[in-house]
């Protein structure tokens, strides 16, 4: 009898832990729960997992296939990135990398290009700010109503080479290229003004 009770407890604990994790993941998505850029990046990984599996809190209430990204997924990303706590902060590297992961995970798209637009703007927002350039609040910079050319500088004097190297490493070999991002890399962070020897394979991104 004692052994039977122990076995029951062993079965119950994983279920309870799983429920707690799911509750945490649902809570992490709420904009009001996003307190900093780190929690925003964490919330984006929940969206990524939903895109990969077709299941989870971001897919509730609709048919969602695995490896697919729809308009609601893109809307989740936008809500997370423009939460009040981070609105006036530049997009962080962790957030940008989470967006790249979502981009890689989504083999099928039905969002009419909304996510691609958001990805390009968020990555440029991070790259520009990390290079010491001023950027507008996220609600302006990342809005689909705002043209990226209206706020992104035409070039960057004294751009941080480490930022360019990071961009090259993120973009190289991507299964799905982002034409807007590719174009802005050359103008926003000043790739065209630097010797190409400083940016090995920066354009080898599998377009």
N, C-alpha and C. Protein backbone atom coordinates (compact mmCIF):
# COMPACT_ATOMS: atom_id res chain seq x y z
N UNK A 1 0.83 -1.21 0.00
CA UNK A 1 0.00 0.00 0.00
C UNK A 1 0.86 1.26 0.00
N UNK A 2 1.92 1.22 0.80
CA UNK A 2 2.83 2.36 0.87
C UNK A 2 3.47 2.62 -0.49
N UNK A 3 3.90 1.55 -1.17
CA UNK A 3 4.51 1.68 -2.48
C UNK A 3 3.50 2.24 -3.49
N UNK A 4 2.24 1.81 -3.38
CA UNK A 4 1.20 2.30 -4.27
C UNK A 4 0.99 3.80 -4.10
N UNK A 5 0.99 4.26 -2.84
CA UNK A 5 0.83 5.68 -2.57
C UNK A 5 1.99 6.49 -3.13
N UNK A 6 3.20 5.94 -3.02
CA UNK A 6 4.37 6.62 -3.55
C UNK A 6 4.28 6.76 -5.06
N UNK A 7 3.78 5.71 -5.72
CA UNK A 7 3.64 5.75 -7.17
C UNK A 7 2.62 6.81 -7.61
N UNK A 8 1.53 6.92 -6.81
CA UNK A 8 0.53 7.94 -7.12
C UNK A 8 1.13 9.34 -7.02
N UNK A 9 1.95 9.54 -5.95
CA UNK A 9 2.58 10.84 -5.78
C UNK A 9 3.50 11.16 -6.94
N UNK A 10 4.23 10.16 -7.41
CA UNK A 10 5.16 10.36 -8.52
C UNK A 10 4.42 10.76 -9.79
N UNK A 11 3.19 10.22 -9.95
CA UNK A 11 2.41 10.59 -11.12
C UNK A 11 1.81 11.98 -11.00
N UNK A 12 1.51 12.38 -9.80
CA UNK A 12 0.86 13.67 -9.57
C UNK A 12 1.84 14.83 -9.71
N UNK A 13 3.06 14.69 -9.23
CA UNK A 13 4.02 15.78 -9.22
C UNK A 13 4.32 16.32 -10.61
N UNK A 14 4.64 15.45 -11.60
CA UNK A 14 4.89 15.99 -12.93
C UNK A 14 3.71 16.75 -13.50
N UNK A 15 2.48 16.28 -13.25
CA UNK A 15 1.30 16.97 -13.76
C UNK A 15 1.18 18.34 -13.13
N UNK A 16 1.41 18.44 -11.83
CA UNK A 16 1.33 19.72 -11.15
C UNK A 16 2.39 20.68 -11.66
N UNK A 17 3.60 20.18 -11.85
CA UNK A 17 4.69 21.00 -12.35
C UNK A 17 4.38 21.49 -13.76
N UNK A 18 3.80 20.61 -14.58
CA UNK A 18 3.45 20.99 -15.95
C UNK A 18 2.39 22.08 -15.96
N UNK A 19 1.41 21.94 -15.08
CA UNK A 19 0.35 22.95 -14.99
C UNK A 19 0.91 24.29 -14.55
N UNK A 20 1.84 24.25 -13.61
CA UNK A 20 2.45 25.49 -13.11
C UNK A 20 3.26 26.17 -14.21
N UNK A 21 3.99 25.38 -14.98
CA UNK A 21 4.79 25.93 -16.07
C UNK A 21 3.89 26.58 -17.11
N UNK A 22 2.77 25.89 -17.44
CA UNK A 22 1.84 26.44 -18.42
C UNK A 22 1.25 27.75 -17.93
N UNK A 23 0.90 27.80 -16.65
CA UNK A 23 0.35 29.03 -16.08
C UNK A 23 1.36 30.17 -16.16
N UNK A 24 2.62 29.85 -15.88
CA UNK A 24 3.68 30.86 -15.95
C UNK A 24 3.83 31.37 -17.38
N UNK A 25 3.76 30.45 -18.35
CA UNK A 25 3.93 30.84 -19.74
C UNK A 25 2.78 31.70 -20.23
N UNK A 26 1.57 31.39 -19.78
CA UNK A 26 0.42 32.21 -20.14
C UNK A 26 0.57 33.60 -19.53
N UNK A 27 0.96 33.65 -18.26
CA UNK A 27 1.15 34.92 -17.58
C UNK A 27 2.24 35.76 -18.21
N UNK A 28 3.30 35.09 -18.70
CA UNK A 28 4.43 35.81 -19.29
C UNK A 28 4.03 36.57 -20.54
N UNK A 29 2.93 36.16 -21.17
CA UNK A 29 2.50 36.81 -22.40
C UNK A 29 1.74 38.10 -22.17
N UNK A 30 1.23 38.30 -20.98
CA UNK A 30 0.44 39.48 -20.71
C UNK A 30 1.33 40.72 -20.71
N UNK A 31 1.00 41.73 -21.53
CA UNK A 31 1.82 42.95 -21.56
C UNK A 31 2.02 43.58 -20.19
N UNK A 32 1.01 43.47 -19.33
CA UNK A 32 1.13 44.04 -17.99
C UNK A 32 2.15 43.31 -17.13
N UNK A 33 2.47 42.07 -17.50
CA UNK A 33 3.45 41.29 -16.75
C UNK A 33 4.87 41.50 -17.27
N UNK A 34 4.99 42.16 -18.39
CA UNK A 34 6.32 42.43 -18.95
C UNK A 34 6.91 43.63 -18.23
N UNK A 35 7.97 43.39 -17.48
CA UNK A 35 8.55 44.44 -16.64
C UNK A 35 9.86 44.98 -17.19
N UNK A 36 10.45 44.27 -18.15
CA UNK A 36 11.74 44.68 -18.70
C UNK A 36 11.96 43.98 -20.03
N UNK A 37 13.08 44.26 -20.65
CA UNK A 37 13.35 43.66 -21.95
C UNK A 37 13.61 42.16 -21.84
N UNK A 38 14.11 41.72 -20.70
CA UNK A 38 14.35 40.29 -20.52
C UNK A 38 13.04 39.51 -20.49
N UNK A 39 12.04 40.04 -19.80
CA UNK A 39 10.76 39.34 -19.76
C UNK A 39 10.05 39.43 -21.11
N UNK A 40 10.30 40.50 -21.86
CA UNK A 40 9.74 40.58 -23.21
C UNK A 40 10.36 39.50 -24.10
N UNK A 41 11.68 39.31 -23.98
CA UNK A 41 12.36 38.27 -24.76
C UNK A 41 11.82 36.89 -24.39
N UNK A 42 11.57 36.67 -23.10
CA UNK A 42 11.01 35.40 -22.64
C UNK A 42 9.63 35.17 -23.24
N UNK A 43 8.82 36.20 -23.26
CA UNK A 43 7.48 36.08 -23.84
C UNK A 43 7.55 35.75 -25.33
N UNK A 44 8.52 36.30 -26.01
CA UNK A 44 8.67 35.99 -27.43
C UNK A 44 9.03 34.52 -27.65
N UNK A 45 9.74 33.92 -26.72
CA UNK A 45 10.06 32.49 -26.87
C UNK A 45 8.81 31.64 -26.72
N UNK A 46 7.82 32.12 -25.99
CA UNK A 46 6.54 31.40 -25.89
C UNK A 46 5.84 31.44 -27.24
N UNK A 47 5.88 32.59 -27.90
CA UNK A 47 5.32 32.69 -29.25
C UNK A 47 6.06 31.75 -30.19
N UNK A 48 7.37 31.74 -30.09
CA UNK A 48 8.18 30.84 -30.93
C UNK A 48 7.78 29.38 -30.76
N UNK A 49 7.60 28.97 -29.51
CA UNK A 49 7.23 27.58 -29.25
C UNK A 49 5.86 27.25 -29.83
N UNK A 50 4.95 28.22 -29.78
CA UNK A 50 3.63 28.02 -30.37
C UNK A 50 3.70 27.88 -31.87
N UNK A 51 4.58 28.65 -32.50
CA UNK A 51 4.76 28.55 -33.95
C UNK A 51 5.33 27.18 -34.30
N UNK A 52 6.28 26.70 -33.52
CA UNK A 52 6.92 25.42 -33.79
C UNK A 52 5.94 24.26 -33.65
N UNK A 53 5.19 24.24 -32.56
CA UNK A 53 4.34 23.08 -32.24
C UNK A 53 2.90 23.22 -32.71
N UNK A 54 2.45 24.46 -32.92
CA UNK A 54 1.04 24.67 -33.23
C UNK A 54 0.16 24.57 -32.01
N UNK A 55 0.77 24.53 -30.83
CA UNK A 55 0.04 24.40 -29.57
C UNK A 55 0.53 25.44 -28.58
N UNK A 56 -0.20 25.57 -27.46
CA UNK A 56 0.22 26.47 -26.41
C UNK A 56 -0.67 27.68 -26.28
N UNK A 57 -0.35 28.58 -25.33
CA UNK A 57 -1.24 29.71 -25.02
C UNK A 57 -1.41 30.70 -26.17
N UNK A 58 -0.47 30.78 -27.10
CA UNK A 58 -0.62 31.74 -28.20
C UNK A 58 -1.49 31.22 -29.32
N UNK A 59 -1.86 29.94 -29.27
CA UNK A 59 -2.66 29.35 -30.36
C UNK A 59 -4.08 29.01 -29.93
N UNK A 60 -4.43 29.33 -28.70
CA UNK A 60 -5.74 28.97 -28.16
C UNK A 60 -6.87 29.63 -28.94
N UNK A 61 -7.90 28.86 -29.24
CA UNK A 61 -9.10 29.40 -29.86
C UNK A 61 -9.09 29.44 -31.36
N UNK A 62 -8.06 28.88 -31.99
CA UNK A 62 -8.02 28.87 -33.45
C UNK A 62 -7.22 27.68 -33.95
N UNK A 63 -7.44 27.31 -35.18
CA UNK A 63 -6.65 26.24 -35.78
C UNK A 63 -5.26 26.78 -36.09
N UNK A 64 -4.24 26.08 -35.63
CA UNK A 64 -2.87 26.55 -35.84
C UNK A 64 -1.99 25.34 -36.15
N UNK A 65 -1.44 25.30 -37.33
CA UNK A 65 -0.57 24.20 -37.71
C UNK A 65 0.85 24.45 -37.22
N UNK A 66 1.60 23.38 -37.05
CA UNK A 66 2.99 23.52 -36.63
C UNK A 66 3.81 24.14 -37.75
N UNK A 67 4.83 24.88 -37.36
CA UNK A 67 5.73 25.57 -38.28
C UNK A 67 4.99 26.60 -39.14
N UNK A 68 3.92 27.16 -38.60
CA UNK A 68 3.15 28.17 -39.32
C UNK A 68 3.04 29.43 -38.48
N UNK A 69 2.99 30.57 -39.15
CA UNK A 69 2.86 31.86 -38.46
C UNK A 69 1.69 32.60 -39.09
N UNK A 70 0.74 33.01 -38.25
CA UNK A 70 -0.43 33.72 -38.76
C UNK A 70 -0.49 35.13 -38.20
N UNK A 71 -1.56 35.84 -38.53
CA UNK A 71 -1.69 37.24 -38.12
C UNK A 71 -1.70 37.40 -36.61
N UNK A 72 -2.30 36.43 -35.90
CA UNK A 72 -2.36 36.54 -34.45
C UNK A 72 -0.98 36.35 -33.82
N UNK A 73 -0.16 35.47 -34.39
CA UNK A 73 1.22 35.33 -33.91
C UNK A 73 1.97 36.65 -34.05
N UNK A 74 1.82 37.28 -35.21
CA UNK A 74 2.48 38.56 -35.43
C UNK A 74 1.96 39.61 -34.45
N UNK A 75 0.65 39.56 -34.16
CA UNK A 75 0.06 40.51 -33.21
C UNK A 75 0.59 40.29 -31.81
N UNK A 76 0.78 39.00 -31.42
CA UNK A 76 1.39 38.72 -30.12
C UNK A 76 2.77 39.37 -30.03
N UNK A 77 3.57 39.20 -31.05
CA UNK A 77 4.92 39.77 -31.05
C UNK A 77 4.87 41.29 -30.90
N UNK A 78 3.96 41.92 -31.63
CA UNK A 78 3.84 43.38 -31.57
C UNK A 78 3.41 43.84 -30.17
N UNK A 79 2.45 43.13 -29.57
CA UNK A 79 1.99 43.51 -28.23
C UNK A 79 3.12 43.37 -27.21
N UNK A 80 3.88 42.31 -27.33
CA UNK A 80 4.98 42.07 -26.40
C UNK A 80 6.04 43.16 -26.54
N UNK A 81 6.41 43.46 -27.77
CA UNK A 81 7.48 44.42 -28.02
C UNK A 81 7.11 45.85 -27.66
N UNK A 82 5.81 46.15 -27.62
CA UNK A 82 5.40 47.52 -27.32
C UNK A 82 4.73 47.64 -25.95
N UNK A 83 4.98 46.68 -25.08
CA UNK A 83 4.44 46.76 -23.71
C UNK A 83 4.93 48.05 -23.05
N UNK A 84 4.13 48.58 -22.16
CA UNK A 84 4.42 49.87 -21.53
C UNK A 84 5.80 49.94 -20.90
N UNK A 85 6.22 48.86 -20.24
CA UNK A 85 7.49 48.87 -19.51
C UNK A 85 8.71 49.01 -20.42
N UNK A 86 8.57 48.64 -21.68
CA UNK A 86 9.73 48.68 -22.58
C UNK A 86 9.55 49.65 -23.74
N UNK A 87 8.44 50.36 -23.77
CA UNK A 87 8.11 51.22 -24.91
C UNK A 87 9.22 52.20 -25.26
N UNK A 88 9.85 52.77 -24.24
CA UNK A 88 10.86 53.81 -24.47
C UNK A 88 12.29 53.28 -24.39
N UNK A 89 12.44 51.97 -24.46
CA UNK A 89 13.77 51.37 -24.45
C UNK A 89 14.07 50.79 -25.83
N UNK A 90 15.33 50.82 -26.24
CA UNK A 90 15.66 50.20 -27.54
C UNK A 90 15.46 48.70 -27.48
N UNK A 91 15.15 48.11 -28.60
CA UNK A 91 15.00 46.66 -28.68
C UNK A 91 16.33 46.01 -28.28
N UNK A 92 16.27 45.04 -27.41
CA UNK A 92 17.48 44.38 -26.92
C UNK A 92 17.94 43.29 -27.88
N UNK A 93 19.17 42.86 -27.70
CA UNK A 93 19.69 41.78 -28.53
C UNK A 93 18.91 40.48 -28.30
N UNK A 94 18.55 40.22 -27.05
CA UNK A 94 17.79 39.00 -26.74
C UNK A 94 16.43 39.01 -27.44
N UNK A 95 15.78 40.16 -27.48
CA UNK A 95 14.49 40.26 -28.18
C UNK A 95 14.68 40.06 -29.68
N UNK A 96 15.70 40.70 -30.24
CA UNK A 96 15.95 40.55 -31.68
C UNK A 96 16.26 39.11 -32.04
N UNK A 97 17.05 38.44 -31.22
CA UNK A 97 17.39 37.05 -31.50
C UNK A 97 16.17 36.14 -31.38
N UNK A 98 15.29 36.45 -30.43
CA UNK A 98 14.05 35.67 -30.32
C UNK A 98 13.19 35.84 -31.57
N UNK A 99 13.18 37.04 -32.14
CA UNK A 99 12.44 37.26 -33.38
C UNK A 99 13.06 36.49 -34.54
N UNK A 100 14.38 36.45 -34.59
CA UNK A 100 15.04 35.66 -35.62
C UNK A 100 14.66 34.18 -35.49
N UNK A 101 14.54 33.70 -34.26
CA UNK A 101 14.17 32.30 -34.04
C UNK A 101 12.74 32.04 -34.51
N UNK A 102 11.85 32.99 -34.27
CA UNK A 102 10.47 32.86 -34.75
C UNK A 102 10.48 32.84 -36.28
N UNK A 103 11.26 33.71 -36.87
CA UNK A 103 11.37 33.76 -38.33
C UNK A 103 11.82 32.41 -38.89
N UNK A 104 12.80 31.80 -38.25
CA UNK A 104 13.30 30.50 -38.71
C UNK A 104 12.27 29.40 -38.51
N UNK A 105 11.50 29.50 -37.43
CA UNK A 105 10.53 28.44 -37.09
C UNK A 105 9.34 28.41 -38.04
N UNK A 106 9.02 29.57 -38.63
CA UNK A 106 7.78 29.69 -39.42
C UNK A 106 8.04 29.41 -40.89
N UNK A 107 7.80 28.18 -41.29
CA UNK A 107 7.98 27.80 -42.70
C UNK A 107 6.83 28.30 -43.55
N UNK A 108 5.64 28.38 -42.94
CA UNK A 108 4.45 28.85 -43.66
C UNK A 108 3.98 30.16 -43.04
N UNK A 109 3.56 31.10 -43.89
CA UNK A 109 3.11 32.41 -43.40
C UNK A 109 1.72 32.73 -43.92
N UNK A 110 0.88 33.29 -43.07
CA UNK A 110 -0.43 33.77 -43.49
C UNK A 110 -0.74 35.10 -42.80
N UNK A 111 0.32 35.88 -42.56
CA UNK A 111 0.17 37.15 -41.85
C UNK A 111 0.30 38.35 -42.76
N UNK A 112 0.39 38.11 -44.08
CA UNK A 112 0.46 39.18 -45.08
C UNK A 112 1.67 40.09 -44.89
N UNK A 113 2.77 39.52 -44.43
CA UNK A 113 4.02 40.28 -44.32
C UNK A 113 4.18 41.11 -43.07
N UNK A 114 3.24 41.02 -42.15
CA UNK A 114 3.29 41.85 -40.94
C UNK A 114 4.51 41.50 -40.09
N UNK A 115 4.77 40.20 -39.92
CA UNK A 115 5.90 39.82 -39.09
C UNK A 115 7.22 40.23 -39.73
N UNK A 116 7.37 40.07 -41.03
CA UNK A 116 8.61 40.47 -41.70
C UNK A 116 8.88 41.95 -41.48
N UNK A 117 7.84 42.76 -41.56
CA UNK A 117 7.98 44.20 -41.32
C UNK A 117 8.42 44.47 -39.88
N UNK A 118 7.81 43.76 -38.94
CA UNK A 118 8.14 43.93 -37.52
C UNK A 118 9.57 43.49 -37.24
N UNK A 119 9.97 42.36 -37.82
CA UNK A 119 11.33 41.85 -37.63
C UNK A 119 12.36 42.86 -38.11
N UNK A 120 12.18 43.36 -39.33
CA UNK A 120 13.15 44.31 -39.88
C UNK A 120 13.27 45.54 -39.00
N UNK A 121 12.13 46.09 -38.59
CA UNK A 121 12.15 47.31 -37.78
C UNK A 121 12.77 47.06 -36.41
N UNK A 122 12.46 45.93 -35.79
CA UNK A 122 12.99 45.63 -34.46
C UNK A 122 14.51 45.43 -34.51
N UNK A 123 14.98 44.71 -35.53
CA UNK A 123 16.42 44.46 -35.65
C UNK A 123 17.17 45.76 -35.92
N UNK A 124 16.65 46.59 -36.80
CA UNK A 124 17.29 47.87 -37.09
C UNK A 124 17.25 48.77 -35.85
N UNK A 125 16.16 48.74 -35.12
CA UNK A 125 16.03 49.52 -33.88
C UNK A 125 17.14 49.13 -32.92
N UNK A 126 17.37 47.82 -32.78
CA UNK A 126 18.45 47.36 -31.90
C UNK A 126 19.81 47.75 -32.45
N UNK A 127 20.05 47.48 -33.73
CA UNK A 127 21.36 47.75 -34.31
C UNK A 127 21.71 49.23 -34.26
N UNK A 128 20.75 50.07 -34.56
CA UNK A 128 21.00 51.51 -34.54
C UNK A 128 21.30 52.00 -33.12
N UNK A 129 20.49 51.59 -32.16
CA UNK A 129 20.70 52.03 -30.78
C UNK A 129 22.00 51.49 -30.21
N UNK A 130 22.34 50.24 -30.55
CA UNK A 130 23.59 49.65 -30.06
C UNK A 130 24.80 50.33 -30.66
N UNK A 131 24.60 51.04 -31.77
CA UNK A 131 25.69 51.79 -32.40
C UNK A 131 25.71 53.24 -31.94
N UNK A 132 24.88 53.55 -30.95
CA UNK A 132 24.88 54.89 -30.39
C UNK A 132 24.00 55.89 -31.11
N UNK A 133 23.11 55.41 -31.95
CA UNK A 133 22.22 56.30 -32.69
C UNK A 133 20.87 56.42 -31.98
N UNK A 134 20.25 57.61 -32.05
CA UNK A 134 18.94 57.78 -31.41
C UNK A 134 17.86 57.03 -32.18
N UNK A 135 16.91 56.48 -31.44
CA UNK A 135 15.78 55.77 -32.06
C UNK A 135 14.49 56.24 -31.39
N UNK A 136 13.39 56.25 -32.12
CA UNK A 136 12.11 56.67 -31.53
C UNK A 136 11.54 55.59 -30.64
N UNK A 137 10.51 55.92 -29.85
CA UNK A 137 9.85 54.90 -29.03
C UNK A 137 9.36 53.75 -29.90
N UNK A 138 9.25 52.59 -29.31
CA UNK A 138 8.85 51.40 -30.06
C UNK A 138 7.47 51.55 -30.71
N UNK A 139 6.55 52.19 -30.01
CA UNK A 139 5.20 52.30 -30.55
C UNK A 139 5.19 53.06 -31.87
N UNK A 140 6.19 53.91 -32.07
CA UNK A 140 6.32 54.64 -33.33
C UNK A 140 7.16 53.83 -34.32
N UNK A 141 8.34 53.42 -33.87
CA UNK A 141 9.29 52.76 -34.77
C UNK A 141 8.77 51.44 -35.32
N UNK A 142 8.06 50.66 -34.49
CA UNK A 142 7.63 49.33 -34.89
C UNK A 142 6.23 49.29 -35.48
N UNK A 143 5.56 50.42 -35.52
CA UNK A 143 4.20 50.46 -36.04
C UNK A 143 4.17 50.14 -37.53
N UNK A 144 3.19 49.34 -37.96
CA UNK A 144 3.06 49.06 -39.40
C UNK A 144 2.72 50.31 -40.20
N UNK A 145 2.25 51.35 -39.52
CA UNK A 145 1.91 52.60 -40.19
C UNK A 145 3.12 53.50 -40.39
N UNK A 146 4.24 53.15 -39.76
CA UNK A 146 5.46 53.97 -39.84
C UNK A 146 6.45 53.34 -40.80
N UNK A 147 6.87 54.10 -41.80
CA UNK A 147 7.88 53.61 -42.73
C UNK A 147 9.24 53.60 -42.03
N UNK A 148 9.97 52.51 -42.19
CA UNK A 148 11.26 52.40 -41.52
C UNK A 148 12.21 53.52 -41.95
N UNK A 149 12.09 53.96 -43.20
CA UNK A 149 12.96 55.02 -43.70
C UNK A 149 12.71 56.36 -43.01
N UNK A 150 11.56 56.51 -42.36
CA UNK A 150 11.22 57.78 -41.73
C UNK A 150 11.98 58.02 -40.43
N UNK A 151 12.54 56.94 -39.84
CA UNK A 151 13.26 57.14 -38.58
C UNK A 151 14.66 56.54 -38.59
N UNK A 152 14.93 55.61 -39.45
CA UNK A 152 16.24 54.98 -39.47
C UNK A 152 17.23 55.88 -40.20
N UNK A 153 18.40 56.15 -39.61
CA UNK A 153 19.39 57.03 -40.25
C UNK A 153 19.86 56.43 -41.58
N UNK A 154 20.31 57.32 -42.46
CA UNK A 154 20.78 56.87 -43.77
C UNK A 154 22.11 56.14 -43.66
N UNK A 155 22.91 56.47 -42.65
CA UNK A 155 24.18 55.78 -42.43
C UNK A 155 24.60 56.02 -40.99
N UNK A 156 25.59 55.28 -40.56
CA UNK A 156 26.05 55.41 -39.17
C UNK A 156 27.54 55.68 -39.16
N UNK A 157 27.92 56.84 -38.66
CA UNK A 157 29.33 57.16 -38.50
C UNK A 157 29.82 56.51 -37.21
N UNK A 158 30.95 55.83 -37.29
CA UNK A 158 31.50 55.20 -36.10
C UNK A 158 30.66 54.03 -35.62
N UNK A 159 30.03 53.31 -36.55
CA UNK A 159 29.20 52.18 -36.16
C UNK A 159 30.04 51.13 -35.46
N UNK A 160 29.44 50.49 -34.48
CA UNK A 160 30.13 49.44 -33.72
C UNK A 160 30.30 48.21 -34.60
N UNK A 161 31.55 47.84 -34.87
CA UNK A 161 31.82 46.67 -35.71
C UNK A 161 31.21 45.41 -35.11
N UNK A 162 31.17 45.33 -33.78
CA UNK A 162 30.61 44.14 -33.12
C UNK A 162 29.13 43.97 -33.48
N UNK A 163 28.43 45.09 -33.65
CA UNK A 163 27.02 45.03 -34.04
C UNK A 163 26.90 44.44 -35.44
N UNK A 164 27.77 44.88 -36.35
CA UNK A 164 27.74 44.36 -37.71
C UNK A 164 28.08 42.88 -37.74
N UNK A 165 29.02 42.48 -36.93
CA UNK A 165 29.39 41.07 -36.87
C UNK A 165 28.22 40.23 -36.35
N UNK A 166 27.52 40.77 -35.35
CA UNK A 166 26.34 40.07 -34.82
C UNK A 166 25.27 39.94 -35.91
N UNK A 167 25.03 41.04 -36.64
CA UNK A 167 24.04 41.00 -37.71
C UNK A 167 24.41 39.97 -38.76
N UNK A 168 25.69 39.95 -39.12
CA UNK A 168 26.14 38.99 -40.13
C UNK A 168 25.91 37.56 -39.65
N UNK A 169 26.21 37.31 -38.38
CA UNK A 169 26.05 35.95 -37.86
C UNK A 169 24.59 35.54 -37.79
N UNK A 170 23.71 36.49 -37.52
CA UNK A 170 22.28 36.19 -37.44
C UNK A 170 21.66 35.99 -38.82
N UNK A 171 22.11 36.75 -39.80
CA UNK A 171 21.49 36.73 -41.11
C UNK A 171 22.07 35.67 -42.04
N UNK A 172 23.29 35.26 -41.78
CA UNK A 172 23.95 34.32 -42.67
C UNK A 172 23.26 32.96 -42.66
N UNK A 173 22.91 32.48 -43.84
CA UNK A 173 22.36 31.13 -43.96
C UNK A 173 20.93 30.98 -43.51
N UNK A 174 20.21 32.08 -43.28
CA UNK A 174 18.81 31.98 -42.88
C UNK A 174 18.00 31.34 -44.00
N UNK A 175 17.10 30.45 -43.61
CA UNK A 175 16.28 29.78 -44.63
C UNK A 175 15.34 30.76 -45.31
N UNK A 176 14.92 31.77 -44.58
CA UNK A 176 13.99 32.76 -45.14
C UNK A 176 14.63 34.13 -45.01
N UNK A 177 14.96 34.75 -46.15
CA UNK A 177 15.57 36.06 -46.13
C UNK A 177 14.54 37.16 -45.96
N UNK A 178 14.95 38.28 -45.39
CA UNK A 178 14.08 39.42 -45.20
C UNK A 178 14.65 40.56 -46.05
N UNK A 179 13.99 40.84 -47.18
CA UNK A 179 14.52 41.81 -48.13
C UNK A 179 14.59 43.22 -47.53
N UNK A 180 13.59 43.57 -46.72
CA UNK A 180 13.62 44.89 -46.08
C UNK A 180 14.81 45.01 -45.15
N UNK A 181 15.04 43.98 -44.35
CA UNK A 181 16.16 44.00 -43.42
C UNK A 181 17.48 44.05 -44.17
N UNK A 182 17.61 43.25 -45.23
CA UNK A 182 18.83 43.23 -46.02
C UNK A 182 19.14 44.61 -46.58
N UNK A 183 18.11 45.27 -47.09
CA UNK A 183 18.31 46.60 -47.66
C UNK A 183 18.71 47.60 -46.59
N UNK A 184 18.09 47.50 -45.42
CA UNK A 184 18.37 48.47 -44.38
C UNK A 184 19.74 48.25 -43.74
N UNK A 185 20.23 47.01 -43.75
CA UNK A 185 21.57 46.76 -43.22
C UNK A 185 22.58 47.63 -43.94
N UNK A 186 22.43 47.75 -45.25
CA UNK A 186 23.38 48.51 -46.05
C UNK A 186 23.29 50.01 -45.79
N UNK A 187 22.12 50.49 -45.38
CA UNK A 187 21.96 51.93 -45.20
C UNK A 187 21.95 52.37 -43.74
N UNK A 188 21.31 51.56 -42.88
CA UNK A 188 21.13 51.99 -41.50
C UNK A 188 22.42 51.87 -40.70
N UNK A 189 23.11 50.74 -40.84
CA UNK A 189 24.31 50.55 -40.03
C UNK A 189 25.57 50.79 -40.83
N UNK A 190 25.42 51.33 -42.04
CA UNK A 190 26.58 51.82 -42.75
C UNK A 190 27.47 50.77 -43.38
N UNK A 191 26.92 49.62 -43.73
CA UNK A 191 27.73 48.58 -44.34
C UNK A 191 28.41 49.09 -45.60
N UNK A 192 27.68 49.90 -46.37
CA UNK A 192 28.22 50.36 -47.64
C UNK A 192 29.43 51.28 -47.47
N UNK A 193 29.61 51.85 -46.27
CA UNK A 193 30.70 52.80 -46.05
C UNK A 193 31.93 52.14 -45.47
N UNK A 194 31.87 50.84 -45.19
CA UNK A 194 32.99 50.15 -44.55
C UNK A 194 33.64 49.17 -45.51
N UNK A 195 34.95 48.97 -45.35
CA UNK A 195 35.62 47.96 -46.18
C UNK A 195 34.97 46.59 -45.95
N UNK A 196 34.67 45.89 -47.04
CA UNK A 196 34.00 44.60 -46.91
C UNK A 196 34.85 43.60 -46.16
N UNK A 197 36.15 43.82 -46.10
CA UNK A 197 37.01 42.89 -45.37
C UNK A 197 36.64 42.86 -43.90
N UNK A 198 36.02 43.92 -43.40
CA UNK A 198 35.61 43.98 -42.00
C UNK A 198 34.34 43.19 -41.76
N UNK A 199 33.64 42.80 -42.83
CA UNK A 199 32.35 42.13 -42.69
C UNK A 199 32.36 40.84 -43.50
N UNK A 200 33.15 39.88 -43.09
CA UNK A 200 33.24 38.64 -43.89
C UNK A 200 31.88 37.96 -44.01
N UNK A 201 31.53 37.72 -45.27
CA UNK A 201 30.31 36.98 -45.59
C UNK A 201 29.02 37.64 -45.11
N UNK A 202 29.03 38.96 -44.88
CA UNK A 202 27.83 39.60 -44.36
C UNK A 202 26.65 39.47 -45.31
N UNK A 203 26.92 39.37 -46.61
CA UNK A 203 25.81 39.27 -47.55
C UNK A 203 25.48 37.84 -47.91
N UNK A 204 26.19 36.89 -47.32
CA UNK A 204 25.91 35.48 -47.59
C UNK A 204 24.82 35.01 -46.65
N UNK A 205 23.58 35.42 -46.91
CA UNK A 205 22.49 35.17 -45.98
C UNK A 205 21.42 34.26 -46.55
N UNK A 206 21.74 33.61 -47.65
CA UNK A 206 20.78 32.64 -48.19
C UNK A 206 19.51 33.26 -48.69
N UNK A 207 19.60 34.41 -49.35
CA UNK A 207 18.41 35.06 -49.90
C UNK A 207 17.80 34.16 -50.98
